[in-house]
């Protein structure tokens, strides 16, 4: 079985959301803030386990543009200057499918650290 393939990536709400429609019929709406704090970049995820960096204060971040990377990913350029994460199709699908759990875990981490969105 093949992994779902994106048929459409579209920005809305002035770059506040990314809409992704896959050939499996799944449609995802991913807020810019969520994508920014869960960036797959080394800046956020680190270079290995335990090196993750907690990102906060991105409530008003917007997506400036999308740049295709080969046929496997998209680079998201945010208005805060961040542009190093490559969002592969499986990673975008995971972020969409697990959004509620990932977001709640993130909110718990920033609260425990004494930070705010």
PDB file of N, CA and C in Angstrom:
ATOM      1  N   UNK A   1       0.840  -1.180   0.000  1.00  0.00           N
ATOM      2  CA  UNK A   1       0.000   0.000   0.000  1.00  0.00           C
ATOM      3  C   UNK A   1       0.887   1.247   0.000  1.00  0.00           C
ATOM      4  N   UNK A   2       0.547   2.204  -0.840  1.00  0.00           N
ATOM      5  CA  UNK A   2       1.311   3.438  -0.947  1.00  0.00           C
ATOM      6  C   UNK A   2       0.868   4.437   0.109  1.00  0.00           C
ATOM      7  N   UNK A   3       1.813   5.249   0.549  1.00  0.00           N
ATOM      8  CA  UNK A   3       1.483   6.320   1.484  1.00  0.00           C
ATOM      9  C   UNK A   3       0.644   7.372   0.764  1.00  0.00           C
ATOM     10  N   UNK A   4      -0.253   8.036   1.488  1.00  0.00           N
ATOM     11  CA  UNK A   4      -1.036   9.107   0.868  1.00  0.00           C
ATOM     12  C   UNK A   4      -0.128  10.184   0.290  1.00  0.00           C
ATOM     13  N   UNK A   5      -0.533  10.744  -0.834  1.00  0.00           N
ATOM     14  CA  UNK A   5       0.232  11.753  -1.553  1.00  0.00           C
ATOM     15  C   UNK A   5      -0.566  13.054  -1.570  1.00  0.00           C
ATOM     16  N   UNK A   6       0.074  14.186  -1.297  1.00  0.00           N
ATOM     17  CA  UNK A   6      -0.663  15.448  -1.291  1.00  0.00           C
ATOM     18  C   UNK A   6      -1.086  15.858  -2.702  1.00  0.00           C
ATOM     19  N   UNK A   7      -2.336  16.221  -2.830  1.00  0.00           N
ATOM     20  CA  UNK A   7      -2.852  16.715  -4.104  1.00  0.00           C
ATOM     21  C   UNK A   7      -2.917  18.238  -4.116  1.00  0.00           C
ATOM     22  N   UNK A   8      -3.013  18.826  -2.921  1.00  0.00           N
ATOM     23  CA  UNK A   8      -3.113  20.281  -2.847  1.00  0.00           C
ATOM     24  C   UNK A   8      -2.554  20.775  -1.522  1.00  0.00           C
ATOM     25  N   UNK A   9      -1.770  21.840  -1.585  1.00  0.00           N
ATOM     26  CA  UNK A   9      -1.327  22.586  -0.411  1.00  0.00           C
ATOM     27  C   UNK A   9      -1.770  24.017  -0.651  1.00  0.00           C
ATOM     28  N   UNK A  10      -2.484  24.587   0.309  1.00  0.00           N
ATOM     29  CA  UNK A  10      -3.058  25.914   0.126  1.00  0.00           C
ATOM     30  C   UNK A  10      -2.991  26.684   1.433  1.00  0.00           C
ATOM     31  N   UNK A  11      -2.540  27.930   1.345  1.00  0.00           N
ATOM     32  CA  UNK A  11      -2.528  28.803   2.511  1.00  0.00           C
ATOM     33  C   UNK A  11      -3.837  29.552   2.600  1.00  0.00           C
ATOM     34  N   UNK A  12      -4.286  29.807   3.827  1.00  0.00           N
ATOM     35  CA  UNK A  12      -5.493  30.609   4.006  1.00  0.00           C
ATOM     36  C   UNK A  12      -5.323  31.502   5.215  1.00  0.00           C
ATOM     37  N   UNK A  13      -6.293  32.365   5.412  1.00  0.00           N
ATOM     38  CA  UNK A  13      -6.333  33.269   6.564  1.00  0.00           C
ATOM     39  C   UNK A  13      -5.040  34.077   6.672  1.00  0.00           C
ATOM     40  N   UNK A  14      -4.569  34.604   5.528  1.00  0.00           N
ATOM     41  CA  UNK A  14      -3.368  35.418   5.541  1.00  0.00           C
ATOM     42  C   UNK A  14      -2.122  34.666   5.971  1.00  0.00           C
ATOM     43  N   UNK A  15      -2.079  33.371   5.702  1.00  0.00           N
ATOM     44  CA  UNK A  15      -0.927  32.551   6.078  1.00  0.00           C
ATOM     45  C   UNK A  15      -1.029  31.953   7.470  1.00  0.00           C
ATOM     46  N   UNK A  16      -2.192  32.071   8.091  1.00  0.00           N
ATOM     47  CA  UNK A  16      -2.379  31.530   9.440  1.00  0.00           C
ATOM     48  C   UNK A  16      -2.615  30.024   9.432  1.00  0.00           C
ATOM     49  N   UNK A  17      -2.968  29.463   8.276  1.00  0.00           N
ATOM     50  CA  UNK A  17      -3.265  28.029   8.186  1.00  0.00           C
ATOM     51  C   UNK A  17      -2.744  27.462   6.871  1.00  0.00           C
ATOM     52  N   UNK A  18      -2.356  26.200   6.948  1.00  0.00           N
ATOM     53  CA  UNK A  18      -2.011  25.433   5.759  1.00  0.00           C
ATOM     54  C   UNK A  18      -3.046  24.331   5.620  1.00  0.00           C
ATOM     55  N   UNK A  19      -3.665  24.282   4.453  1.00  0.00           N
ATOM     56  CA  UNK A  19      -4.624  23.215   4.157  1.00  0.00           C
ATOM     57  C   UNK A  19      -3.928  22.229   3.223  1.00  0.00           C
ATOM     58  N   UNK A  20      -4.011  20.944   3.586  1.00  0.00           N
ATOM     59  CA  UNK A  20      -3.399  19.896   2.776  1.00  0.00           C
ATOM     60  C   UNK A  20      -4.475  18.866   2.464  1.00  0.00           C
ATOM     61  N   UNK A  21      -4.601  18.555   1.171  1.00  0.00           N
ATOM     62  CA  UNK A  21      -5.550  17.515   0.749  1.00  0.00           C
ATOM     63  C   UNK A  21      -4.728  16.393   0.125  1.00  0.00           C
ATOM     64  N   UNK A  22      -4.938  15.178   0.647  1.00  0.00           N
ATOM     65  CA  UNK A  22      -4.219  14.001   0.179  1.00  0.00           C
ATOM     66  C   UNK A  22      -5.093  13.180  -0.761  1.00  0.00           C
ATOM     67  N   UNK A  23      -4.453  12.363  -1.595  1.00  0.00           N
ATOM     68  CA  UNK A  23      -5.187  11.516  -2.533  1.00  0.00           C
ATOM     69  C   UNK A  23      -5.979  10.410  -1.834  1.00  0.00           C
ATOM     70  N   UNK A  24      -5.757  10.242  -0.543  1.00  0.00           N
ATOM     71  CA  UNK A  24      -6.516   9.266   0.243  1.00  0.00           C
ATOM     72  C   UNK A  24      -7.889   9.822   0.625  1.00  0.00           C
ATOM     73  N   UNK A  25      -8.104  11.112   0.346  1.00  0.00           N
ATOM     74  CA  UNK A  25      -9.348  11.762   0.730  1.00  0.00           C
ATOM     75  C   UNK A  25      -9.220  12.559   2.010  1.00  0.00           C
ATOM     76  N   UNK A  26      -8.103  12.393   2.724  1.00  0.00           N
ATOM     77  CA  UNK A  26      -7.897  13.143   3.969  1.00  0.00           C
ATOM     78  C   UNK A  26      -7.596  14.603   3.649  1.00  0.00           C
ATOM     79  N   UNK A  27      -8.221  15.494   4.409  1.00  0.00           N
ATOM     80  CA  UNK A  27      -7.939  16.922   4.327  1.00  0.00           C
ATOM     81  C   UNK A  27      -7.550  17.404   5.712  1.00  0.00           C
ATOM     82  N   UNK A  28      -6.450  18.120   5.799  1.00  0.00           N
ATOM     83  CA  UNK A  28      -5.930  18.601   7.070  1.00  0.00           C
ATOM     84  C   UNK A  28      -5.864  20.119   7.060  1.00  0.00           C
ATOM     85  N   UNK A  29      -6.129  20.713   8.201  1.00  0.00           N
ATOM     86  CA  UNK A  29      -5.923  22.136   8.397  1.00  0.00           C
ATOM     87  C   UNK A  29      -4.932  22.279   9.536  1.00  0.00           C
ATOM     88  N   UNK A  30      -3.772  22.814   9.214  1.00  0.00           N
ATOM     89  CA  UNK A  30      -2.680  22.900  10.173  1.00  0.00           C
ATOM     90  C   UNK A  30      -2.358  24.370  10.435  1.00  0.00           C
ATOM     91  N   UNK A  31      -2.572  24.837  11.666  1.00  0.00           N
ATOM     92  CA  UNK A  31      -2.262  26.228  11.993  1.00  0.00           C
ATOM     93  C   UNK A  31      -0.767  26.519  11.876  1.00  0.00           C
ATOM     94  N   UNK A  32      -0.437  27.733  11.452  1.00  0.00           N
ATOM     95  CA  UNK A  32       0.960  28.140  11.305  1.00  0.00           C
ATOM     96  C   UNK A  32       1.719  27.999  12.619  1.00  0.00           C
ATOM     97  N   UNK A  33       1.104  28.399  13.720  1.00  0.00           N
ATOM     98  CA  UNK A  33       1.766  28.293  15.029  1.00  0.00           C
ATOM     99  C   UNK A  33       2.156  26.843  15.310  1.00  0.00           C
ATOM    100  N   UNK A  34       1.244  25.930  15.073  1.00  0.00           N
ATOM    101  CA  UNK A  34       1.491  24.507  15.296  1.00  0.00           C
ATOM    102  C   UNK A  34       2.645  24.014  14.418  1.00  0.00           C
ATOM    103  N   UNK A  35       2.619  24.370  13.141  1.00  0.00           N
ATOM    104  CA  UNK A  35       3.687  23.955  12.239  1.00  0.00           C
ATOM    105  C   UNK A  35       5.033  24.538  12.662  1.00  0.00           C
ATOM    106  N   UNK A  36       5.021  25.775  13.139  1.00  0.00           N
ATOM    107  CA  UNK A  36       6.273  26.429  13.551  1.00  0.00           C
ATOM    108  C   UNK A  36       6.876  25.758  14.786  1.00  0.00           C
ATOM    109  N   UNK A  37       6.060  25.500  15.786  1.00  0.00           N
ATOM    110  CA  UNK A  37       6.604  24.924  17.022  1.00  0.00           C
ATOM    111  C   UNK A  37       6.944  23.443  16.864  1.00  0.00           C
ATOM    112  N   UNK A  38       6.394  22.789  15.859  1.00  0.00           N
ATOM    113  CA  UNK A  38       6.694  21.383  15.586  1.00  0.00           C
ATOM    114  C   UNK A  38       7.580  21.225  14.358  1.00  0.00           C
ATOM    115  N   UNK A  39       8.302  22.275  13.992  1.00  0.00           N
ATOM    116  CA  UNK A  39       9.180  22.236  12.823  1.00  0.00           C
ATOM    117  C   UNK A  39      10.143  21.047  12.923  1.00  0.00           C
ATOM    118  N   UNK A  40      10.346  20.341  11.816  1.00  0.00           N
ATOM    119  CA  UNK A  40      11.283  19.216  11.831  1.00  0.00           C
ATOM    120  C   UNK A  40      12.744  19.660  11.713  1.00  0.00           C
ATOM    121  N   UNK A  41      12.998  20.942  11.831  1.00  0.00           N
ATOM    122  CA  UNK A  41      14.363  21.470  11.698  1.00  0.00           C
ATOM    123  C   UNK A  41      15.244  21.053  12.869  1.00  0.00           C
ATOM    124  N   UNK A  42      16.548  21.084  12.648  1.00  0.00           N
ATOM    125  CA  UNK A  42      17.504  20.799  13.723  1.00  0.00           C
ATOM    126  C   UNK A  42      17.396  21.857  14.820  1.00  0.00           C
ATOM    127  N   UNK A  43      17.026  23.074  14.437  1.00  0.00           N
ATOM    128  CA  UNK A  43      16.856  24.157  15.418  1.00  0.00           C
ATOM    129  C   UNK A  43      15.812  23.799  16.470  1.00  0.00           C
ATOM    130  N   UNK A  44      14.785  23.080  16.069  1.00  0.00           N
ATOM    131  CA  UNK A  44      13.695  22.707  16.979  1.00  0.00           C
ATOM    132  C   UNK A  44      13.865  21.281  17.491  1.00  0.00           C
ATOM    133  N   UNK A  45      14.121  20.336  16.604  1.00  0.00           N
ATOM    134  CA  UNK A  45      14.196  18.919  16.977  1.00  0.00           C
ATOM    135  C   UNK A  45      15.574  18.493  17.465  1.00  0.00           C
ATOM    136  N   UNK A  46      16.596  19.308  17.192  1.00  0.00           N
ATOM    137  CA  UNK A  46      17.948  18.933  17.580  1.00  0.00           C
ATOM    138  C   UNK A  46      18.511  17.910  16.618  1.00  0.00           C
ATOM    139  N   UNK A  47      19.665  17.360  16.972  1.00  0.00           N
ATOM    140  CA  UNK A  47      20.321  16.372  16.123  1.00  0.00           C
ATOM    141  C   UNK A  47      20.196  14.963  16.674  1.00  0.00           C
ATOM    142  N   UNK A  48      19.427  14.815  17.727  1.00  0.00           N
ATOM    143  CA  UNK A  48      19.231  13.502  18.311  1.00  0.00           C
ATOM    144  C   UNK A  48      18.335  13.590  19.526  1.00  0.00           C
ATOM    145  N   UNK A  49      17.978  12.453  20.085  1.00  0.00           N
ATOM    146  CA  UNK A  49      17.101  12.428  21.255  1.00  0.00           C
ATOM    147  C   UNK A  49      17.657  13.279  22.406  1.00  0.00           C
ATOM    148  N   UNK A  50      16.781  14.018  23.028  1.00  0.00           N
ATOM    149  CA  UNK A  50      17.156  14.850  24.158  1.00  0.00           C
ATOM    150  C   UNK A  50      17.692  16.222  23.776  1.00  0.00           C
ATOM    151  N   UNK A  51      17.793  16.502  22.493  1.00  0.00           N
ATOM    152  CA  UNK A  51      18.310  17.796  22.045  1.00  0.00           C
ATOM    153  C   UNK A  51      17.204  18.742  21.567  1.00  0.00           C
ATOM    154  N   UNK A  52      15.962  18.353  21.746  1.00  0.00           N
ATOM    155  CA  UNK A  52      14.847  19.165  21.293  1.00  0.00           C
ATOM    156  C   UNK A  52      14.839  20.506  22.009  1.00  0.00           C
ATOM    157  N   UNK A  53      14.423  21.539  21.302  1.00  0.00           N
ATOM    158  CA  UNK A  53      14.314  22.877  21.873  1.00  0.00           C
ATOM    159  C   UNK A  53      12.840  23.264  21.936  1.00  0.00           C
ATOM    160  N   UNK A  54      12.418  23.774  23.062  1.00  0.00           N
ATOM    161  CA  UNK A  54      11.037  24.204  23.230  1.00  0.00           C
ATOM    162  C   UNK A  54      10.885  25.599  22.623  1.00  0.00           C
ATOM    163  N   UNK A  55       9.965  25.730  21.690  1.00  0.00           N
ATOM    164  CA  UNK A  55       9.702  27.000  21.011  1.00  0.00           C
ATOM    165  C   UNK A  55       8.385  27.549  21.549  1.00  0.00           C
ATOM    166  N   UNK A  56       8.358  28.828  21.886  1.00  0.00           N
ATOM    167  CA  UNK A  56       7.131  29.437  22.399  1.00  0.00           C
ATOM    168  C   UNK A  56       7.020  30.857  21.858  1.00  0.00           C
ATOM    169  N   UNK A  57       5.904  31.501  22.143  1.00  0.00           N
ATOM    170  CA  UNK A  57       5.698  32.878  21.705  1.00  0.00           C
ATOM    171  C   UNK A  57       5.435  33.007  20.221  1.00  0.00           C
ATOM    172  N   UNK A  58       4.845  31.987  19.616  1.00  0.00           N
ATOM    173  CA  UNK A  58       4.614  31.984  18.172  1.00  0.00           C
ATOM    174  C   UNK A  58       3.131  32.045  17.810  1.00  0.00           C
ATOM    175  N   UNK A  59       2.307  32.484  18.730  1.00  0.00           N
ATOM    176  CA  UNK A  59       0.854  32.525  18.507  1.00  0.00           C
ATOM    177  C   UNK A  59       0.487  33.299  17.232  1.00  0.00           C
ATOM    178  N   UNK A  60       1.217  34.365  16.938  1.00  0.00           N
ATOM    179  CA  UNK A  60       0.867  35.212  15.794  1.00  0.00           C
ATOM    180  C   UNK A  60       1.739  34.985  14.563  1.00  0.00           C
ATOM    181  N   UNK A  61       2.528  33.928  14.548  1.00  0.00           N
ATOM    182  CA  UNK A  61       3.373  33.654  13.385  1.00  0.00           C
ATOM    183  C   UNK A  61       2.489  33.307  12.181  1.00  0.00           C
ATOM    184  N   UNK A  62       2.973  33.679  11.010  1.00  0.00           N
ATOM    185  CA  UNK A  62       2.261  33.389   9.759  1.00  0.00           C
ATOM    186  C   UNK A  62       3.228  32.721   8.781  1.00  0.00           C
ATOM    187  N   UNK A  63       2.656  32.030   7.834  1.00  0.00           N
ATOM    188  CA  UNK A  63       3.439  31.406   6.772  1.00  0.00           C
ATOM    189  C   UNK A  63       3.532  32.410   5.624  1.00  0.00           C
ATOM    190  N   UNK A  64       4.752  32.737   5.225  1.00  0.00           N
ATOM    191  CA  UNK A  64       4.958  33.677   4.116  1.00  0.00           C
ATOM    192  C   UNK A  64       4.874  32.973   2.775  1.00  0.00           C
ATOM    193  N   UNK A  65       5.488  31.782   2.695  1.00  0.00           N
ATOM    194  CA  UNK A  65       5.440  31.058   1.425  1.00  0.00           C
ATOM    195  C   UNK A  65       5.788  29.597   1.620  1.00  0.00           C
ATOM    196  N   UNK A  66       5.457  28.818   0.611  1.00  0.00           N
ATOM    197  CA  UNK A  66       5.757  27.393   0.557  1.00  0.00           C
ATOM    198  C   UNK A  66       6.714  27.172  -0.602  1.00  0.00           C
ATOM    199  N   UNK A  67       7.763  26.387  -0.360  1.00  0.00           N
ATOM    200  CA  UNK A  67       8.734  26.080  -1.408  1.00  0.00           C
ATOM    201  C   UNK A  67       8.831  24.572  -1.565  1.00  0.00           C
ATOM    202  N   UNK A  68       8.509  24.050  -2.746  1.00  0.00           N
ATOM    203  CA  UNK A  68       8.634  22.604  -2.946  1.00  0.00           C
ATOM    204  C   UNK A  68      10.093  22.158  -2.844  1.00  0.00           C
ATOM    205  N   UNK A  69      10.299  20.982  -2.276  1.00  0.00           N
ATOM    206  CA  UNK A  69      11.630  20.386  -2.169  1.00  0.00           C
ATOM    207  C   UNK A  69      11.537  19.013  -2.833  1.00  0.00           C
ATOM    208  N   UNK A  70      12.047  18.926  -4.039  1.00  0.00           N
ATOM    209  CA  UNK A  70      11.927  17.680  -4.795  1.00  0.00           C
ATOM    210  C   UNK A  70      10.470  17.270  -4.896  1.00  0.00           C
ATOM    211  N   UNK A  71      10.248  15.987  -4.803  1.00  0.00           N
ATOM    212  CA  UNK A  71       8.872  15.487  -4.836  1.00  0.00           C
ATOM    213  C   UNK A  71       8.478  14.881  -3.492  1.00  0.00           C
ATOM    214  N   UNK A  72       9.240  15.212  -2.446  1.00  0.00           N
ATOM    215  CA  UNK A  72       9.014  14.546  -1.160  1.00  0.00           C
ATOM    216  C   UNK A  72       8.678  15.464   0.001  1.00  0.00           C
ATOM    217  N   UNK A  73       8.794  16.794  -0.182  1.00  0.00           N
ATOM    218  CA  UNK A  73       8.613  17.682   0.969  1.00  0.00           C
ATOM    219  C   UNK A  73       8.308  19.109   0.531  1.00  0.00           C
ATOM    220  N   UNK A  74       8.018  19.926   1.535  1.00  0.00           N
ATOM    221  CA  UNK A  74       7.832  21.362   1.322  1.00  0.00           C
ATOM    222  C   UNK A  74       8.603  22.094   2.424  1.00  0.00           C
ATOM    223  N   UNK A  75       9.251  23.184   2.031  1.00  0.00           N
ATOM    224  CA  UNK A  75       9.891  24.070   3.005  1.00  0.00           C
ATOM    225  C   UNK A  75       8.872  25.173   3.294  1.00  0.00           C
ATOM    226  N   UNK A  76       8.623  25.392   4.563  1.00  0.00           N
ATOM    227  CA  UNK A  76       7.685  26.440   4.956  1.00  0.00           C
ATOM    228  C   UNK A  76       8.505  27.626   5.453  1.00  0.00           C
ATOM    229  N   UNK A  77       8.261  28.776   4.849  1.00  0.00           N
ATOM    230  CA  UNK A  77       8.941  30.007   5.241  1.00  0.00           C
ATOM    231  C   UNK A  77       7.971  30.806   6.111  1.00  0.00           C
ATOM    232  N   UNK A  78       8.364  31.025   7.354  1.00  0.00           N
ATOM    233  CA  UNK A  78       7.520  31.738   8.312  1.00  0.00           C
ATOM    234  C   UNK A  78       7.932  33.206   8.382  1.00  0.00           C
ATOM    235  N   UNK A  79       7.011  34.042   8.818  1.00  0.00           N
ATOM    236  CA  UNK A  79       7.302  35.479   8.875  1.00  0.00           C
ATOM    237  C   UNK A  79       8.240  35.865  10.018  1.00  0.00           C
ATOM    238  N   UNK A  80       8.610  34.913  10.874  1.00  0.00           N
ATOM    239  CA  UNK A  80       9.609  35.200  11.912  1.00  0.00           C
ATOM    240  C   UNK A  80      11.022  34.861  11.437  1.00  0.00           C
ATOM    241  N   UNK A  81      11.150  34.496  10.160  1.00  0.00           N
ATOM    242  CA  UNK A  81      12.447  34.198   9.578  1.00  0.00           C
ATOM    243  C   UNK A  81      12.812  32.727   9.549  1.00  0.00           C
ATOM    244  N   UNK A  82      12.071  31.884  10.248  1.00  0.00           N
ATOM    245  CA  UNK A  82      12.375  30.454  10.274  1.00  0.00           C
ATOM    246  C   UNK A  82      12.019  29.832   8.922  1.00  0.00           C
ATOM    247  N   UNK A  83      12.968  29.090   8.347  1.00  0.00           N
ATOM    248  CA  UNK A  83      12.724  28.473   7.042  1.00  0.00           C
ATOM    249  C   UNK A  83      13.576  27.230   6.827  1.00  0.00           C
ATOM    250  N   UNK A  84      14.029  26.592   7.896  1.00  0.00           N
ATOM    251  CA  UNK A  84      14.961  25.477   7.723  1.00  0.00           C
ATOM    252  C   UNK A  84      14.328  24.089   7.834  1.00  0.00           C
ATOM    253  N   UNK A  85      13.074  23.996   8.200  1.00  0.00           N
ATOM    254  CA  UNK A  85      12.456  22.677   8.323  1.00  0.00           C
ATOM    255  C   UNK A  85      11.924  22.173   6.999  1.00  0.00           C
ATOM    256  N   UNK A  86      12.189  20.904   6.701  1.00  0.00           N
ATOM    257  CA  UNK A  86      11.615  20.266   5.518  1.00  0.00           C
ATOM    258  C   UNK A  86      10.484  19.360   5.978  1.00  0.00           C
ATOM    259  N   UNK A  87       9.287  19.720   5.624  1.00  0.00           N
ATOM    260  CA  UNK A  87       8.094  18.987   6.032  1.00  0.00           C
ATOM    261  C   UNK A  87       7.800  17.943   4.957  1.00  0.00           C
ATOM    262  N   UNK A  88       8.172  16.694   5.242  1.00  0.00           N
ATOM    263  CA  UNK A  88       7.894  15.620   4.294  1.00  0.00           C
ATOM    264  C   UNK A  88       6.403  15.314   4.312  1.00  0.00           C
ATOM    265  N   UNK A  89       5.938  14.640   3.287  1.00  0.00           N
ATOM    266  CA  UNK A  89       4.512  14.292   3.220  1.00  0.00           C
ATOM    267  C   UNK A  89       4.106  13.408   4.406  1.00  0.00           C
ATOM    268  N   UNK A  90       4.897  12.379   4.760  1.00  0.00           N
ATOM    269  CA  UNK A  90       4.511  11.587   5.942  1.00  0.00           C
ATOM    270  C   UNK A  90       4.495  12.411   7.234  1.00  0.00           C
ATOM    271  N   UNK A  91       5.415  13.381   7.370  1.00  0.00           N
ATOM    272  CA  UNK A  91       5.429  14.197   8.584  1.00  0.00           C
ATOM    273  C   UNK A  91       4.202  15.099   8.647  1.00  0.00           C
ATOM    274  N   UNK A  92       3.820  15.699   7.519  1.00  0.00           N
ATOM    275  CA  UNK A  92       2.599  16.519   7.509  1.00  0.00           C
ATOM    276  C   UNK A  92       1.373  15.672   7.855  1.00  0.00           C
ATOM    277  N   UNK A  93       1.328  14.469   7.315  1.00  0.00           N
ATOM    278  CA  UNK A  93       0.212  13.570   7.600  1.00  0.00           C
ATOM    279  C   UNK A  93       0.171  13.221   9.085  1.00  0.00           C
ATOM    280  N   UNK A  94       1.327  12.935   9.673  1.00  0.00           N
ATOM    281  CA  UNK A  94       1.410  12.635  11.105  1.00  0.00           C
ATOM    282  C   UNK A  94       0.948  13.838  11.925  1.00  0.00           C
ATOM    283  N   UNK A  95       1.420  15.034  11.571  1.00  0.00           N
ATOM    284  CA  UNK A  95       1.003  16.236  12.303  1.00  0.00           C
ATOM    285  C   UNK A  95      -0.509  16.419  12.246  1.00  0.00           C
ATOM    286  N   UNK A  96      -1.096  16.110  11.111  1.00  0.00           N
ATOM    287  CA  UNK A  96      -2.546  16.249  10.985  1.00  0.00           C
ATOM    288  C   UNK A  96      -3.309  15.182  11.742  1.00  0.00           C
ATOM    289  N   UNK A  97      -2.899  13.950  11.583  1.00  0.00           N
ATOM    290  CA  UNK A  97      -3.602  12.838  12.222  1.00  0.00           C
ATOM    291  C   UNK A  97      -3.475  12.862  13.741  1.00  0.00           C
ATOM    292  N   UNK A  98      -2.349  13.349  14.250  1.00  0.00           N
ATOM    293  CA  UNK A  98      -2.088  13.334  15.688  1.00  0.00           C
ATOM    294  C   UNK A  98      -2.117  14.736  16.302  1.00  0.00           C
ATOM    295  N   UNK A  99      -2.736  15.664  15.597  1.00  0.00           N
ATOM    296  CA  UNK A  99      -2.701  17.064  16.009  1.00  0.00           C
ATOM    297  C   UNK A  99      -3.180  17.297  17.440  1.00  0.00           C
ATOM    298  N   UNK A 100      -4.281  16.713  17.818  1.00  0.00           N
ATOM    299  CA  UNK A 100      -4.824  16.951  19.163  1.00  0.00           C
ATOM    300  C   UNK A 100      -3.832  16.506  20.245  1.00  0.00           C
ATOM    301  N   UNK A 101      -3.265  15.326  20.092  1.00  0.00           N
ATOM    302  CA  UNK A 101      -2.328  14.809  21.095  1.00  0.00           C
ATOM    303  C   UNK A 101      -1.016  15.596  21.113  1.00  0.00           C
ATOM    304  N   UNK A 102      -0.476  15.883  19.932  1.00  0.00           N
ATOM    305  CA  UNK A 102       0.785  16.623  19.853  1.00  0.00           C
ATOM    306  C   UNK A 102       0.612  18.025  20.435  1.00  0.00           C
ATOM    307  N   UNK A 103      -0.502  18.682  20.108  1.00  0.00           N
ATOM    308  CA  UNK A 103      -0.752  20.035  20.594  1.00  0.00           C
ATOM    309  C   UNK A 103      -0.918  20.049  22.119  1.00  0.00           C
ATOM    310  N   UNK A 104      -1.644  19.105  22.657  1.00  0.00           N
ATOM    311  CA  UNK A 104      -1.831  19.055  24.110  1.00  0.00           C
ATOM    312  C   UNK A 104      -0.500  18.808  24.821  1.00  0.00           C
ATOM    313  N   UNK A 105       0.335  17.954  24.269  1.00  0.00           N
ATOM    314  CA  UNK A 105       1.657  17.707  24.854  1.00  0.00           C
ATOM    315  C   UNK A 105       2.494  18.983  24.819  1.00  0.00           C
ATOM    316  N   UNK A 106       2.425  19.718  23.724  1.00  0.00           N
ATOM    317  CA  UNK A 106       3.154  20.981  23.599  1.00  0.00           C
ATOM    318  C   UNK A 106       2.672  21.987  24.643  1.00  0.00           C
ATOM    319  N   UNK A 107       1.358  22.131  24.774  1.00  0.00           N
ATOM    320  CA  UNK A 107       0.812  23.074  25.758  1.00  0.00           C
ATOM    321  C   UNK A 107       1.265  22.704  27.174  1.00  0.00           C
ATOM    322  N   UNK A 108       1.311  21.423  27.466  1.00  0.00           N
ATOM    323  CA  UNK A 108       1.790  20.973  28.771  1.00  0.00           C
ATOM    324  C   UNK A 108       3.254  21.325  28.996  1.00  0.00           C
ATOM    325  N   UNK A 109       4.072  21.175  27.964  1.00  0.00           N
ATOM    326  CA  UNK A 109       5.498  21.488  28.081  1.00  0.00           C
ATOM    327  C   UNK A 109       5.731  22.976  28.317  1.00  0.00           C
ATOM    328  N   UNK A 110       5.030  23.824  27.558  1.00  0.00           N
ATOM    329  CA  UNK A 110       5.278  25.256  27.749  1.00  0.00           C
ATOM    330  C   UNK A 110       4.738  25.745  29.089  1.00  0.00           C
ATOM    331  N   UNK A 111       3.626  25.150  29.541  1.00  0.00           N
ATOM    332  CA  UNK A 111       3.094  25.526  30.850  1.00  0.00           C
ATOM    333  C   UNK A 111       4.065  25.120  31.947  1.00  0.00           C
ATOM    334  N   UNK A 112       4.606  23.920  31.851  1.00  0.00           N
ATOM    335  CA  UNK A 112       5.561  23.441  32.860  1.00  0.00           C
ATOM    336  C   UNK A 112       6.826  24.294  32.904  1.00  0.00           C
ATOM    337  N   UNK A 113       7.193  24.842  31.742  1.00  0.00           N
ATOM    338  CA  UNK A 113       8.391  25.670  31.653  1.00  0.00           C
ATOM    339  C   UNK A 113       8.119  27.126  32.044  1.00  0.00           C
ATOM    340  N   UNK A 114       6.827  27.453  32.239  1.00  0.00           N
ATOM    341  CA  UNK A 114       6.457  28.811  32.605  1.00  0.00           C
ATOM    342  C   UNK A 114       6.394  29.770  31.433  1.00  0.00           C
ATOM    343  N   UNK A 115       6.261  29.237  30.226  1.00  0.00           N
ATOM    344  CA  UNK A 115       6.176  30.060  29.026  1.00  0.00           C
ATOM    345  C   UNK A 115       4.731  30.180  28.559  1.00  0.00           C
ATOM    346  N   UNK A 116       4.498  31.063  27.610  1.00  0.00           N
ATOM    347  CA  UNK A 116       3.164  31.197  27.024  1.00  0.00           C
ATOM    348  C   UNK A 116       3.278  31.165  25.509  1.00  0.00           C
ATOM    349  N   UNK A 117       2.162  30.914  24.907  1.00  0.00           N
ATOM    350  CA  UNK A 117       2.119  30.850  23.453  1.00  0.00           C
ATOM    351  C   UNK A 117       2.378  32.216  22.875  1.00  0.00           C
TER     352      UNK A 117
END
